[in-house]
Amino acid sequence: MPAHRTDSSLTLIVPDIALHPGTVVGGFLAQLAGRGTVHAFETEPSSALAAFETWQASLLESCELLSVAEQLASAPLSHAAQYQKFDGHYWAHLECVHFAAGLNDVVGVRLRGEAQLTDVERSQFTALVDQHLSADGCTLLPNREGGWLLKFPRALSARTVAPERAFSASLSQALPSGEHGAELRRLLTELQMVLHEHPLNEARARRGVPTANAVWLWGAGAVEPVTTVPRDLPIAYGSRSYLKGLYLVHGRSVRAEEAVLQPMLDDTQSSGHVLGVVETSSLDVLESQWLAPLVRQIRRGAIRRFTLHLDRWRISLARNDLFRFWRKPRALPEWGV
């Protein structure tokens, strides 16, 4: 049997599993949390990382790119991956959302599940917003992962906040800021007025779903391809546009668009560090299809270091940590202790 590499490392990022205070964590996940190291990824609204979704910030950390995060904005890289070109323009994610009045502030809600726009509503929204934006020289393109990509006619300097961060704190503190922040805030206000009492929302109200009465801009910036020698990035698996755009800007590409465990394990032996963005929203699937076989591989020495990014948590484990049998499994409320 050939010897295993001593530097084999596997990183998994799972964007679609949210861990709430009442989430029951057991099995291999609780075991890994108990025997490994658990770290909470906290981001202040004023931080440059607030512009990114949590999984994107985890990706930047895994690729050792946190120090240059402001140069790797989400929207232009997502556009480059989907449309196969870097055009140097200033892009932003545009997402249709619901605003409701709270006790002290406006509350933002993303339209997910049954509340997401239907195909007909998306067409209506696109026509309505595109007509308004085209007068300012902006171009609206569909984002294949939901929402839209908005191209501005000139470069701007503004700080935007990803909705998952903006909507979990004071919304007034998360509005676009910086040199051209007022321009983006004006645009948000104008579009909110356009959507107010539109027939699209009257129909949604009759269906009992939140109205699409506002938009949110985030991930804004402009990106040019890196002209230096390509960075030594881990071999990557995954279909997300930001992942593919991040590799594209460094002159690289992902190994495959689907994260599959066995090819990833094989690559850890040939190349060392492998990273996968896993598409599942089920803890049971994560346990049975990923963590259970991974624990077996760690025990036999095929993987020397394993890192799991789940929601705002990072669990890191070296092979020797797995044999600390005296350490008990840790339930979610104990992760921050």
C-alpha atoms as a PDB file:
ATOM      1  CA  MET A   1       0.000   0.000   0.000  1.00  0.00           C
ATOM      2  CA  PRO A   2       1.504   3.381  -0.997  1.00  0.00           C
ATOM      3  CA  ALA A   3       2.269   5.816   1.799  1.00  0.00           C
ATOM      4  CA  HIS A   4      -0.142   8.702   2.306  1.00  0.00           C
ATOM      5  CA  ARG A   5       1.042  12.289   1.900  1.00  0.00           C
ATOM      6  CA  THR A   6       1.911  14.004   5.146  1.00  0.00           C
ATOM      7  CA  ASP A   7       0.448  17.335   3.944  1.00  0.00           C
ATOM      8  CA  SER A   8      -2.903  16.065   2.624  1.00  0.00           C
ATOM      9  CA  SER A   9      -5.622  18.562   3.503  1.00  0.00           C
ATOM     10  CA  LEU A  10      -9.315  18.793   2.667  1.00  0.00           C
ATOM     11  CA  THR A  11     -11.567  21.833   3.152  1.00  0.00           C
ATOM     12  CA  LEU A  12     -15.345  21.711   2.766  1.00  0.00           C
ATOM     13  CA  ILE A  13     -17.554  24.800   2.556  1.00  0.00           C
ATOM     14  CA  VAL A  14     -21.306  24.223   2.888  1.00  0.00           C
ATOM     15  CA  PRO A  15     -23.216  27.420   1.983  1.00  0.00           C
ATOM     16  CA  ASP A  16     -26.818  26.234   2.333  1.00  0.00           C
ATOM     17  CA  ILE A  17     -26.931  24.849   5.863  1.00  0.00           C
ATOM     18  CA  ALA A  18     -27.890  27.445   8.453  1.00  0.00           C
ATOM     19  CA  LEU A  19     -27.316  26.638  12.118  1.00  0.00           C
ATOM     20  CA  HIS A  20     -29.911  28.277  14.345  1.00  0.00           C
ATOM     21  CA  PRO A  21     -29.919  28.251  18.167  1.00  0.00           C
ATOM     22  CA  GLY A  22     -32.379  25.357  18.154  1.00  0.00           C
ATOM     23  CA  THR A  23     -30.518  23.237  15.592  1.00  0.00           C
ATOM     24  CA  VAL A  24     -29.727  19.781  16.952  1.00  0.00           C
ATOM     25  CA  VAL A  25     -26.140  18.844  16.164  1.00  0.00           C
ATOM     26  CA  GLY A  26     -25.047  15.281  16.844  1.00  0.00           C
ATOM     27  CA  GLY A  27     -23.244  12.369  15.250  1.00  0.00           C
ATOM     28  CA  PHE A  28     -19.938  12.979  13.504  1.00  0.00           C
ATOM     29  CA  LEU A  29     -20.422  16.750  13.413  1.00  0.00           C
ATOM     30  CA  ALA A  30     -20.629  16.934  17.215  1.00  0.00           C
ATOM     31  CA  GLN A  31     -17.653  14.550  17.462  1.00  0.00           C
ATOM     32  CA  LEU A  32     -15.516  16.685  15.137  1.00  0.00           C
ATOM     33  CA  ALA A  33     -16.493  19.832  17.059  1.00  0.00           C
ATOM     34  CA  GLY A  34     -15.535  18.133  20.335  1.00  0.00           C
ATOM     35  CA  ARG A  35     -12.157  16.824  19.242  1.00  0.00           C
ATOM     36  CA  GLY A  36     -11.157  19.615  16.882  1.00  0.00           C
ATOM     37  CA  THR A  37     -11.030  23.394  17.134  1.00  0.00           C
ATOM     38  CA  VAL A  38     -14.171  25.494  16.653  1.00  0.00           C
ATOM     39  CA  HIS A  39     -13.912  29.118  15.592  1.00  0.00           C
ATOM     40  CA  ALA A  40     -16.742  31.607  14.987  1.00  0.00           C
ATOM     41  CA  PHE A  41     -16.368  33.811  11.929  1.00  0.00           C
ATOM     42  CA  GLU A  42     -17.660  37.176  13.144  1.00  0.00           C
ATOM     43  CA  THR A  43     -17.917  40.173  10.814  1.00  0.00           C
ATOM     44  CA  GLU A  44     -18.818  43.719  11.795  1.00  0.00           C
ATOM     45  CA  PRO A  45     -20.985  45.709   9.334  1.00  0.00           C
ATOM     46  CA  SER A  46     -18.101  48.152   8.923  1.00  0.00           C
ATOM     47  CA  SER A  47     -15.672  45.388   7.917  1.00  0.00           C
ATOM     48  CA  ALA A  48     -14.647  44.893   4.286  1.00  0.00           C
ATOM     49  CA  LEU A  49     -15.812  41.273   4.623  1.00  0.00           C
ATOM     50  CA  ALA A  50     -19.380  42.437   5.276  1.00  0.00           C
ATOM     51  CA  ALA A  51     -19.673  42.789   1.500  1.00  0.00           C
ATOM     52  CA  PHE A  52     -19.471  39.003   1.182  1.00  0.00           C
ATOM     53  CA  GLU A  53     -21.786  36.165   2.040  1.00  0.00           C
ATOM     54  CA  THR A  54     -20.409  33.990   4.826  1.00  0.00           C
ATOM     55  CA  TRP A  55     -19.458  31.128   2.517  1.00  0.00           C
ATOM     56  CA  GLN A  56     -17.594  33.568   0.237  1.00  0.00           C
ATOM     57  CA  ALA A  57     -15.596  34.925   3.186  1.00  0.00           C
ATOM     58  CA  SER A  58     -14.812  31.319   4.153  1.00  0.00           C
ATOM     59  CA  LEU A  59     -13.591  30.692   0.612  1.00  0.00           C
ATOM     60  CA  LEU A  60     -11.318  33.731   0.704  1.00  0.00           C
ATOM     61  CA  GLU A  61      -9.917  32.594   4.049  1.00  0.00           C
ATOM     62  CA  SER A  62      -9.312  29.066   2.732  1.00  0.00           C
ATOM     63  CA  CYS A  63      -7.433  30.489  -0.264  1.00  0.00           C
ATOM     64  CA  GLU A  64      -5.450  32.903   1.951  1.00  0.00           C
ATOM     65  CA  LEU A  65      -6.945  35.904   0.154  1.00  0.00           C
ATOM     66  CA  LEU A  66      -8.572  37.780   3.054  1.00  0.00           C
ATOM     67  CA  SER A  67      -5.956  40.531   2.876  1.00  0.00           C
ATOM     68  CA  VAL A  68      -6.993  41.409  -0.696  1.00  0.00           C
ATOM     69  CA  ALA A  69     -10.724  40.768  -0.317  1.00  0.00           C
ATOM     70  CA  GLU A  70     -11.658  44.309  -1.409  1.00  0.00           C
ATOM     71  CA  GLN A  71     -10.074  43.599  -4.799  1.00  0.00           C
ATOM     72  CA  LEU A  72     -12.187  40.465  -5.276  1.00  0.00           C
ATOM     73  CA  ALA A  73     -15.770  41.764  -5.126  1.00  0.00           C
ATOM     74  CA  SER A  74     -18.553  39.232  -5.526  1.00  0.00           C
ATOM     75  CA  ALA A  75     -20.592  40.772  -8.354  1.00  0.00           C
ATOM     76  CA  PRO A  76     -17.845  41.315 -10.972  1.00  0.00           C
ATOM     77  CA  LEU A  77     -16.362  37.871 -10.332  1.00  0.00           C
ATOM     78  CA  SER A  78     -19.803  36.251 -10.561  1.00  0.00           C
ATOM     79  CA  HIS A  79     -20.389  38.090 -13.839  1.00  0.00           C
ATOM     80  CA  ALA A  80     -17.005  36.984 -15.204  1.00  0.00           C
ATOM     81  CA  ALA A  81     -17.747  33.341 -14.396  1.00  0.00           C
ATOM     82  CA  GLN A  82     -21.226  33.391 -15.920  1.00  0.00           C
ATOM     83  CA  TYR A  83     -20.431  35.427 -19.019  1.00  0.00           C
ATOM     84  CA  GLN A  84     -16.800  34.341 -19.468  1.00  0.00           C
ATOM     85  CA  LYS A  85     -15.223  37.781 -19.592  1.00  0.00           C
ATOM     86  CA  PHE A  86     -13.720  40.511 -17.468  1.00  0.00           C
ATOM     87  CA  ASP A  87     -14.898  43.857 -18.774  1.00  0.00           C
ATOM     88  CA  GLY A  88     -13.469  46.136 -16.066  1.00  0.00           C
ATOM     89  CA  HIS A  89     -16.907  47.626 -15.352  1.00  0.00           C
ATOM     90  CA  TYR A  90     -18.398  48.290 -11.940  1.00  0.00           C
ATOM     91  CA  TRP A  91     -20.957  45.587 -11.086  1.00  0.00           C
ATOM     92  CA  ALA A  92     -23.303  44.932  -8.174  1.00  0.00           C
ATOM     93  CA  HIS A  93     -25.676  42.161  -7.186  1.00  0.00           C
ATOM     94  CA  LEU A  94     -29.279  43.372  -7.311  1.00  0.00           C
ATOM     95  CA  GLU A  95     -31.723  41.345  -5.238  1.00  0.00           C
ATOM     96  CA  CYS A  96     -35.458  41.840  -4.872  1.00  0.00           C
ATOM     97  CA  VAL A  97     -36.376  41.841  -1.160  1.00  0.00           C
ATOM     98  CA  HIS A  98     -39.147  42.736   1.269  1.00  0.00           C
ATOM     99  CA  PHE A  99     -38.928  45.678   3.666  1.00  0.00           C
ATOM    100  CA  ALA A 100     -41.209  45.809   6.694  1.00  0.00           C
ATOM    101  CA  ALA A 101     -41.477  48.401   9.441  1.00  0.00           C
ATOM    102  CA  GLY A 102     -39.966  47.268  12.744  1.00  0.00           C
ATOM    103  CA  LEU A 103     -40.089  48.850  16.183  1.00  0.00           C
ATOM    104  CA  ASN A 104     -36.997  51.008  15.723  1.00  0.00           C
ATOM    105  CA  ASP A 105     -35.803  50.295  12.186  1.00  0.00           C
ATOM    106  CA  VAL A 106     -36.835  48.850   8.849  1.00  0.00           C
ATOM    107  CA  VAL A 107     -36.513  45.056   8.696  1.00  0.00           C
ATOM    108  CA  GLY A 108     -35.212  43.412   5.524  1.00  0.00           C
ATOM    109  CA  VAL A 109     -36.325  39.930   4.448  1.00  0.00           C
ATOM    110  CA  ARG A 110     -34.919  37.874   1.570  1.00  0.00           C
ATOM    111  CA  LEU A 111     -37.499  36.238  -0.675  1.00  0.00           C
ATOM    112  CA  ARG A 112     -36.818  32.528  -0.277  1.00  0.00           C
ATOM    113  CA  GLY A 113     -38.832  29.323  -0.554  1.00  0.00           C
ATOM    114  CA  GLU A 114     -42.516  29.965  -1.247  1.00  0.00           C
ATOM    115  CA  ALA A 115     -41.846  33.718  -1.159  1.00  0.00           C
ATOM    116  CA  GLN A 116     -39.389  33.718  -4.073  1.00  0.00           C
ATOM    117  CA  LEU A 117     -40.479  35.379  -7.296  1.00  0.00           C
ATOM    118  CA  THR A 118     -42.274  33.250  -9.849  1.00  0.00           C
ATOM    119  CA  ASP A 119     -41.022  33.211 -13.441  1.00  0.00           C
ATOM    120  CA  VAL A 120     -43.816  35.595 -14.439  1.00  0.00           C
ATOM    121  CA  GLU A 121     -42.985  37.943 -11.565  1.00  0.00           C
ATOM    122  CA  ARG A 122     -39.290  37.872 -12.487  1.00  0.00           C
ATOM    123  CA  SER A 123     -40.184  38.926 -16.030  1.00  0.00           C
ATOM    124  CA  GLN A 124     -42.401  41.725 -14.744  1.00  0.00           C
ATOM    125  CA  PHE A 125     -39.762  42.879 -12.266  1.00  0.00           C
ATOM    126  CA  THR A 126     -37.011  42.802 -14.897  1.00  0.00           C
ATOM    127  CA  ALA A 127     -39.010  44.898 -17.363  1.00  0.00           C
ATOM    128  CA  LEU A 128     -40.028  47.389 -14.688  1.00  0.00           C
ATOM    129  CA  VAL A 129     -36.593  47.877 -13.137  1.00  0.00           C
ATOM    130  CA  ASP A 130     -34.675  47.708 -16.406  1.00  0.00           C
ATOM    131  CA  GLN A 131     -36.797  50.525 -17.827  1.00  0.00           C
ATOM    132  CA  HIS A 132     -35.967  52.715 -14.842  1.00  0.00           C
ATOM    133  CA  LEU A 133     -32.265  51.848 -14.734  1.00  0.00           C
ATOM    134  CA  SER A 134     -31.583  52.200 -18.453  1.00  0.00           C
ATOM    135  CA  ALA A 135     -32.242  55.938 -18.177  1.00  0.00           C
ATOM    136  CA  ASP A 136     -29.145  56.127 -15.953  1.00  0.00           C
ATOM    137  CA  GLY A 137     -27.066  54.097 -18.386  1.00  0.00           C
ATOM    138  CA  CYS A 138     -27.155  50.945 -16.253  1.00  0.00           C
ATOM    139  CA  THR A 139     -27.462  47.422 -17.661  1.00  0.00           C
ATOM    140  CA  LEU A 140     -29.404  44.663 -15.892  1.00  0.00           C
ATOM    141  CA  LEU A 141     -28.478  41.022 -16.536  1.00  0.00           C
ATOM    142  CA  PRO A 142     -29.959  37.864 -15.012  1.00  0.00           C
ATOM    143  CA  ASN A 143     -27.876  36.162 -12.351  1.00  0.00           C
ATOM    144  CA  ARG A 144     -28.140  32.415 -12.924  1.00  0.00           C
ATOM    145  CA  GLU A 145     -27.953  31.863  -9.168  1.00  0.00           C
ATOM    146  CA  GLY A 146     -30.845  34.194  -8.388  1.00  0.00           C
ATOM    147  CA  GLY A 147     -31.423  37.919  -8.584  1.00  0.00           C
ATOM    148  CA  TRP A 148     -29.644  40.092 -11.128  1.00  0.00           C
ATOM    149  CA  LEU A 149     -26.258  41.587 -11.957  1.00  0.00           C
ATOM    150  CA  LEU A 150     -26.248  45.345 -12.434  1.00  0.00           C
ATOM    151  CA  LYS A 151     -23.570  47.104 -14.507  1.00  0.00           C
ATOM    152  CA  PHE A 152     -22.962  50.793 -13.886  1.00  0.00           C
ATOM    153  CA  PRO A 153     -21.786  53.147 -16.656  1.00  0.00           C
ATOM    154  CA  ARG A 154     -18.815  54.365 -14.604  1.00  0.00           C
ATOM    155  CA  ALA A 155     -16.609  53.295 -11.736  1.00  0.00           C
ATOM    156  CA  LEU A 156     -17.943  54.025  -8.254  1.00  0.00           C
ATOM    157  CA  SER A 157     -16.420  53.926  -4.785  1.00  0.00           C
ATOM    158  CA  ALA A 158     -18.929  52.585  -2.299  1.00  0.00           C
ATOM    159  CA  ARG A 159     -19.180  50.038   0.475  1.00  0.00           C
ATOM    160  CA  THR A 160     -22.069  47.587   0.273  1.00  0.00           C
ATOM    161  CA  VAL A 161     -23.172  44.878   2.707  1.00  0.00           C
ATOM    162  CA  ALA A 162     -24.387  41.375   1.815  1.00  0.00           C
ATOM    163  CA  PRO A 163     -28.068  40.846   2.723  1.00  0.00           C
ATOM    164  CA  GLU A 164     -27.466  38.004   5.178  1.00  0.00           C
ATOM    165  CA  ARG A 165     -25.364  40.407   7.248  1.00  0.00           C
ATOM    166  CA  ALA A 166     -27.363  43.572   6.564  1.00  0.00           C
ATOM    167  CA  PHE A 167     -30.697  42.009   7.507  1.00  0.00           C
ATOM    168  CA  SER A 168     -29.451  40.489  10.760  1.00  0.00           C
ATOM    169  CA  ALA A 169     -28.493  43.860  12.286  1.00  0.00           C
ATOM    170  CA  SER A 170     -29.561  47.498  11.990  1.00  0.00           C
ATOM    171  CA  LEU A 171     -30.486  48.070   8.361  1.00  0.00           C
ATOM    172  CA  SER A 172     -29.740  51.782   8.591  1.00  0.00           C
ATOM    173  CA  GLN A 173     -26.106  50.909   9.415  1.00  0.00           C
ATOM    174  CA  ALA A 174     -25.834  48.629   6.387  1.00  0.00           C
ATOM    175  CA  LEU A 175     -26.960  51.008   3.638  1.00  0.00           C
ATOM    176  CA  PRO A 176     -24.388  51.800   0.935  1.00  0.00           C
ATOM    177  CA  SER A 177     -21.732  54.184   2.182  1.00  0.00           C
ATOM    178  CA  GLY A 178     -18.488  55.720   1.006  1.00  0.00           C
ATOM    179  CA  GLU A 179     -17.793  58.328  -1.665  1.00  0.00           C
ATOM    180  CA  HIS A 180     -20.682  57.276  -3.922  1.00  0.00           C
ATOM    181  CA  GLY A 181     -22.857  55.689  -1.232  1.00  0.00           C
ATOM    182  CA  ALA A 182     -25.464  58.447  -1.513  1.00  0.00           C
ATOM    183  CA  GLU A 183     -25.863  57.688  -5.221  1.00  0.00           C
ATOM    184  CA  LEU A 184     -26.607  54.040  -4.512  1.00  0.00           C
ATOM    185  CA  ARG A 185     -28.959  54.923  -1.646  1.00  0.00           C
ATOM    186  CA  ARG A 186     -30.862  57.230  -3.999  1.00  0.00           C
ATOM    187  CA  LEU A 187     -31.173  54.379  -6.481  1.00  0.00           C
ATOM    188  CA  LEU A 188     -32.548  52.054  -3.798  1.00  0.00           C
ATOM    189  CA  THR A 189     -35.126  54.668  -2.778  1.00  0.00           C
ATOM    190  CA  GLU A 190     -36.215  55.288  -6.379  1.00  0.00           C
ATOM    191  CA  LEU A 191     -36.717  51.581  -7.045  1.00  0.00           C
ATOM    192  CA  GLN A 192     -38.643  51.180  -3.807  1.00  0.00           C
ATOM    193  CA  MET A 193     -41.024  53.901  -4.999  1.00  0.00           C
ATOM    194  CA  VAL A 194     -41.370  52.202  -8.400  1.00  0.00           C
ATOM    195  CA  LEU A 195     -42.286  48.901  -6.739  1.00  0.00           C
ATOM    196  CA  HIS A 196     -44.684  50.417  -4.189  1.00  0.00           C
ATOM    197  CA  GLU A 197     -48.290  49.341  -4.890  1.00  0.00           C
ATOM    198  CA  HIS A 198     -47.297  47.820  -8.240  1.00  0.00           C
ATOM    199  CA  PRO A 199     -49.831  45.203  -9.489  1.00  0.00           C
ATOM    200  CA  LEU A 200     -47.122  42.578  -9.048  1.00  0.00           C
ATOM    201  CA  ASN A 201     -47.201  43.189  -5.311  1.00  0.00           C
ATOM    202  CA  GLU A 202     -50.958  43.429  -5.107  1.00  0.00           C
ATOM    203  CA  ALA A 203     -51.103  39.889  -6.500  1.00  0.00           C
ATOM    204  CA  ARG A 204     -48.455  38.696  -4.041  1.00  0.00           C
ATOM    205  CA  ALA A 205     -50.371  40.227  -1.130  1.00  0.00           C
ATOM    206  CA  ARG A 206     -53.501  38.335  -2.209  1.00  0.00           C
ATOM    207  CA  ARG A 207     -51.446  35.101  -2.194  1.00  0.00           C
ATOM    208  CA  GLY A 208     -50.302  35.822   1.340  1.00  0.00           C
ATOM    209  CA  VAL A 209     -46.577  36.055   0.539  1.00  0.00           C
ATOM    210  CA  PRO A 210     -44.275  38.997   1.347  1.00  0.00           C
ATOM    211  CA  THR A 211     -44.376  41.742  -1.252  1.00  0.00           C
ATOM    212  CA  ALA A 212     -41.312  42.407  -3.417  1.00  0.00           C
ATOM    213  CA  ASN A 213     -41.307  46.052  -2.393  1.00  0.00           C
ATOM    214  CA  ALA A 214     -37.581  46.888  -2.384  1.00  0.00           C
ATOM    215  CA  VAL A 215     -34.209  45.964  -3.843  1.00  0.00           C
ATOM    216  CA  TRP A 216     -30.801  45.488  -2.245  1.00  0.00           C
ATOM    217  CA  LEU A 217     -27.417  46.152  -3.832  1.00  0.00           C
ATOM    218  CA  TRP A 218     -24.368  44.280  -2.594  1.00  0.00           C
ATOM    219  CA  GLY A 219     -21.034  42.769  -3.600  1.00  0.00           C
ATOM    220  CA  ALA A 220     -20.260  45.850  -5.673  1.00  0.00           C
ATOM    221  CA  GLY A 221     -16.913  46.502  -7.326  1.00  0.00           C
ATOM    222  CA  ALA A 222     -14.752  46.187 -10.426  1.00  0.00           C
ATOM    223  CA  VAL A 223     -12.140  43.493 -11.027  1.00  0.00           C
ATOM    224  CA  GLU A 224      -9.362  43.004 -13.556  1.00  0.00           C
ATOM    225  CA  PRO A 225      -7.531  39.696 -14.188  1.00  0.00           C
ATOM    226  CA  VAL A 226      -4.430  39.168 -12.082  1.00  0.00           C
ATOM    227  CA  THR A 227      -1.407  39.623 -14.379  1.00  0.00           C
ATOM    228  CA  THR A 228       1.191  38.099 -12.059  1.00  0.00           C
ATOM    229  CA  VAL A 229       2.066  34.411 -11.812  1.00  0.00           C
ATOM    230  CA  PRO A 230      -1.092  32.434 -10.883  1.00  0.00           C
ATOM    231  CA  ARG A 231      -1.499  32.042  -7.132  1.00  0.00           C
ATOM    232  CA  ASP A 232      -0.994  28.579  -5.682  1.00  0.00           C
ATOM    233  CA  LEU A 233      -4.659  27.959  -4.945  1.00  0.00           C
ATOM    234  CA  PRO A 234      -6.018  24.622  -3.706  1.00  0.00           C
ATOM    235  CA  ILE A 235      -7.597  22.301  -6.231  1.00  0.00           C
ATOM    236  CA  ALA A 236     -11.270  23.279  -6.171  1.00  0.00           C
ATOM    237  CA  TYR A 237     -14.567  21.541  -6.791  1.00  0.00           C
ATOM    238  CA  GLY A 238     -17.859  23.424  -7.058  1.00  0.00           C
ATOM    239  CA  SER A 239     -20.312  25.174  -9.347  1.00  0.00           C
ATOM    240  CA  ARG A 240     -20.812  28.523  -7.600  1.00  0.00           C
ATOM    241  CA  SER A 241     -20.096  31.518  -9.789  1.00  0.00           C
ATOM    242  CA  TYR A 242     -18.014  33.322  -7.192  1.00  0.00           C
ATOM    243  CA  LEU A 243     -15.767  30.285  -6.756  1.00  0.00           C
ATOM    244  CA  LYS A 244     -15.257  29.947 -10.518  1.00  0.00           C
ATOM    245  CA  GLY A 245     -14.740  33.688 -10.946  1.00  0.00           C
ATOM    246  CA  LEU A 246     -12.180  33.764  -8.134  1.00  0.00           C
ATOM    247  CA  TYR A 247     -10.159  31.044  -9.854  1.00  0.00           C
ATOM    248  CA  LEU A 248     -10.633  32.592 -13.279  1.00  0.00           C
ATOM    249  CA  VAL A 249      -9.218  35.938 -12.156  1.00  0.00           C
ATOM    250  CA  HIS A 250      -6.081  34.092 -11.005  1.00  0.00           C
ATOM    251  CA  GLY A 251      -5.714  32.243 -14.295  1.00  0.00           C
ATOM    252  CA  ARG A 252      -7.040  28.980 -12.873  1.00  0.00           C
ATOM    253  CA  SER A 253     -10.199  26.908 -13.180  1.00  0.00           C
ATOM    254  CA  VAL A 254     -12.070  24.553 -10.881  1.00  0.00           C
ATOM    255  CA  ARG A 255     -11.356  20.844 -11.299  1.00  0.00           C
ATOM    256  CA  ALA A 256     -15.052  19.936 -11.566  1.00  0.00           C
ATOM    257  CA  GLU A 257     -18.369  21.677 -11.018  1.00  0.00           C
ATOM    258  CA  GLU A 258     -19.705  18.964  -8.726  1.00  0.00           C
ATOM    259  CA  ALA A 259     -18.052  18.245  -5.400  1.00  0.00           C
ATOM    260  CA  VAL A 260     -17.661  14.442  -5.234  1.00  0.00           C
ATOM    261  CA  LEU A 261     -15.777  12.916  -2.337  1.00  0.00           C
ATOM    262  CA  GLN A 262     -13.689  10.172  -3.943  1.00  0.00           C
ATOM    263  CA  PRO A 263     -12.060  12.310  -6.672  1.00  0.00           C
ATOM    264  CA  MET A 264     -11.368  14.947  -4.042  1.00  0.00           C
ATOM    265  CA  LEU A 265      -9.694  12.369  -1.805  1.00  0.00           C
ATOM    266  CA  ASP A 266      -7.584  11.186  -4.744  1.00  0.00           C
ATOM    267  CA  ASP A 267      -6.477  14.756  -5.397  1.00  0.00           C
ATOM    268  CA  THR A 268      -5.338  15.233  -1.793  1.00  0.00           C
ATOM    269  CA  GLN A 269      -2.761  12.512  -2.438  1.00  0.00           C
ATOM    270  CA  SER A 270      -1.486  14.024  -5.676  1.00  0.00           C
ATOM    271  CA  SER A 271      -1.670  17.722  -4.850  1.00  0.00           C
ATOM    272  CA  GLY A 272      -2.019  18.176  -1.103  1.00  0.00           C
ATOM    273  CA  HIS A 273      -4.764  20.758  -0.463  1.00  0.00           C
ATOM    274  CA  VAL A 274      -8.233  20.281  -1.966  1.00  0.00           C
ATOM    275  CA  LEU A 275     -11.285  22.484  -1.450  1.00  0.00           C
ATOM    276  CA  GLY A 276     -14.925  21.707  -2.222  1.00  0.00           C
ATOM    277  CA  VAL A 277     -18.101  23.791  -2.099  1.00  0.00           C
ATOM    278  CA  VAL A 278     -20.783  21.252  -1.193  1.00  0.00           C
ATOM    279  CA  GLU A 279     -24.366  21.741  -2.368  1.00  0.00           C
ATOM    280  CA  THR A 280     -26.689  20.404   0.297  1.00  0.00           C
ATOM    281  CA  SER A 281     -29.122  21.985   2.738  1.00  0.00           C
ATOM    282  CA  SER A 282     -29.477  18.809   4.816  1.00  0.00           C
ATOM    283  CA  LEU A 283     -27.453  18.010   7.931  1.00  0.00           C
ATOM    284  CA  ASP A 284     -28.383  14.343   7.477  1.00  0.00           C
ATOM    285  CA  VAL A 285     -26.853  14.316   3.989  1.00  0.00           C
ATOM    286  CA  LEU A 286     -23.747  16.088   5.263  1.00  0.00           C
ATOM    287  CA  GLU A 287     -23.424  13.466   8.011  1.00  0.00           C
ATOM    288  CA  SER A 288     -24.000  10.337   5.911  1.00  0.00           C
ATOM    289  CA  GLN A 289     -22.426  11.253   2.576  1.00  0.00           C
ATOM    290  CA  TRP A 290     -19.535  13.415   3.749  1.00  0.00           C
ATOM    291  CA  LEU A 291     -18.599  13.340   7.420  1.00  0.00           C
ATOM    292  CA  ALA A 292     -18.985   9.586   8.031  1.00  0.00           C
ATOM    293  CA  PRO A 293     -16.665   8.512   5.181  1.00  0.00           C
ATOM    294  CA  LEU A 294     -14.293  11.416   5.911  1.00  0.00           C
ATOM    295  CA  VAL A 295     -13.815  10.344   9.525  1.00  0.00           C
ATOM    296  CA  ARG A 296     -12.855   6.876   8.253  1.00  0.00           C
ATOM    297  CA  GLN A 297     -10.320   8.407   5.865  1.00  0.00           C
ATOM    298  CA  ILE A 298      -8.849  10.612   8.586  1.00  0.00           C
ATOM    299  CA  ARG A 299      -8.455   7.619  10.904  1.00  0.00           C
ATOM    300  CA  ARG A 300      -6.554   5.626   8.278  1.00  0.00           C
ATOM    301  CA  GLY A 301      -4.271   8.578   7.578  1.00  0.00           C
ATOM    302  CA  ALA A 302      -5.491   9.469   4.081  1.00  0.00           C
ATOM    303  CA  ILE A 303      -6.246  13.015   5.250  1.00  0.00           C
ATOM    304  CA  ARG A 304      -3.942  14.755   7.702  1.00  0.00           C
ATOM    305  CA  ARG A 305      -6.008  17.908   8.174  1.00  0.00           C
ATOM    306  CA  PHE A 306      -9.716  18.563   7.672  1.00  0.00           C
ATOM    307  CA  THR A 307     -11.546  21.914   7.832  1.00  0.00           C
ATOM    308  CA  LEU A 308     -15.303  22.382   7.670  1.00  0.00           C
ATOM    309  CA  HIS A 309     -16.950  25.769   7.113  1.00  0.00           C
ATOM    310  CA  LEU A 310     -20.579  25.608   8.161  1.00  0.00           C
ATOM    311  CA  ASP A 311     -22.602  28.793   8.513  1.00  0.00           C
ATOM    312  CA  ARG A 312     -20.401  31.140  10.570  1.00  0.00           C
ATOM    313  CA  TRP A 313     -18.444  28.271  12.119  1.00  0.00           C
ATOM    314  CA  ARG A 314     -15.094  26.795  11.159  1.00  0.00           C
ATOM    315  CA  ILE A 315     -14.177  23.371  12.550  1.00  0.00           C
ATOM    316  CA  SER A 316     -10.535  22.358  12.104  1.00  0.00           C
ATOM    317  CA  LEU A 317      -9.165  18.933  12.894  1.00  0.00           C
ATOM    318  CA  ALA A 318      -5.736  17.320  12.525  1.00  0.00           C
ATOM    319  CA  ARG A 319      -5.537  13.541  12.300  1.00  0.00           C
ATOM    320  CA  ASN A 320      -4.137  13.169  15.823  1.00  0.00           C
ATOM    321  CA  ASP A 321      -7.054  15.196  17.208  1.00  0.00           C
ATOM    322  CA  LEU A 322      -9.442  12.428  16.198  1.00  0.00           C
ATOM    323  CA  PHE A 323      -7.840  10.109  18.744  1.00  0.00           C
ATOM    324  CA  ARG A 324      -8.497  12.402  21.705  1.00  0.00           C
ATOM    325  CA  PHE A 325     -11.193  10.026  22.913  1.00  0.00           C
ATOM    326  CA  TRP A 326     -11.518  11.778  26.265  1.00  0.00           C
ATOM    327  CA  ARG A 327     -13.003  14.834  24.594  1.00  0.00           C
ATOM    328  CA  LYS A 328     -16.788  14.643  24.482  1.00  0.00           C
ATOM    329  CA  PRO A 329     -18.954  15.582  21.475  1.00  0.00           C
ATOM    330  CA  ARG A 330     -19.999  19.233  21.540  1.00  0.00           C
ATOM    331  CA  ALA A 331     -23.589  20.284  20.865  1.00  0.00           C
ATOM    332  CA  LEU A 332     -24.149  23.592  19.084  1.00  0.00           C
ATOM    333  CA  PRO A 333     -24.727  25.708  22.258  1.00  0.00           C
ATOM    334  CA  GLU A 334     -21.248  24.646  23.427  1.00  0.00           C
ATOM    335  CA  TRP A 335     -19.435  25.731  20.257  1.00  0.00           C
ATOM    336  CA  GLY A 336     -18.993  29.280  21.436  1.00  0.00           C
ATOM    337  CA  VAL A 337     -17.782  28.275  24.909  1.00  0.00           C
END
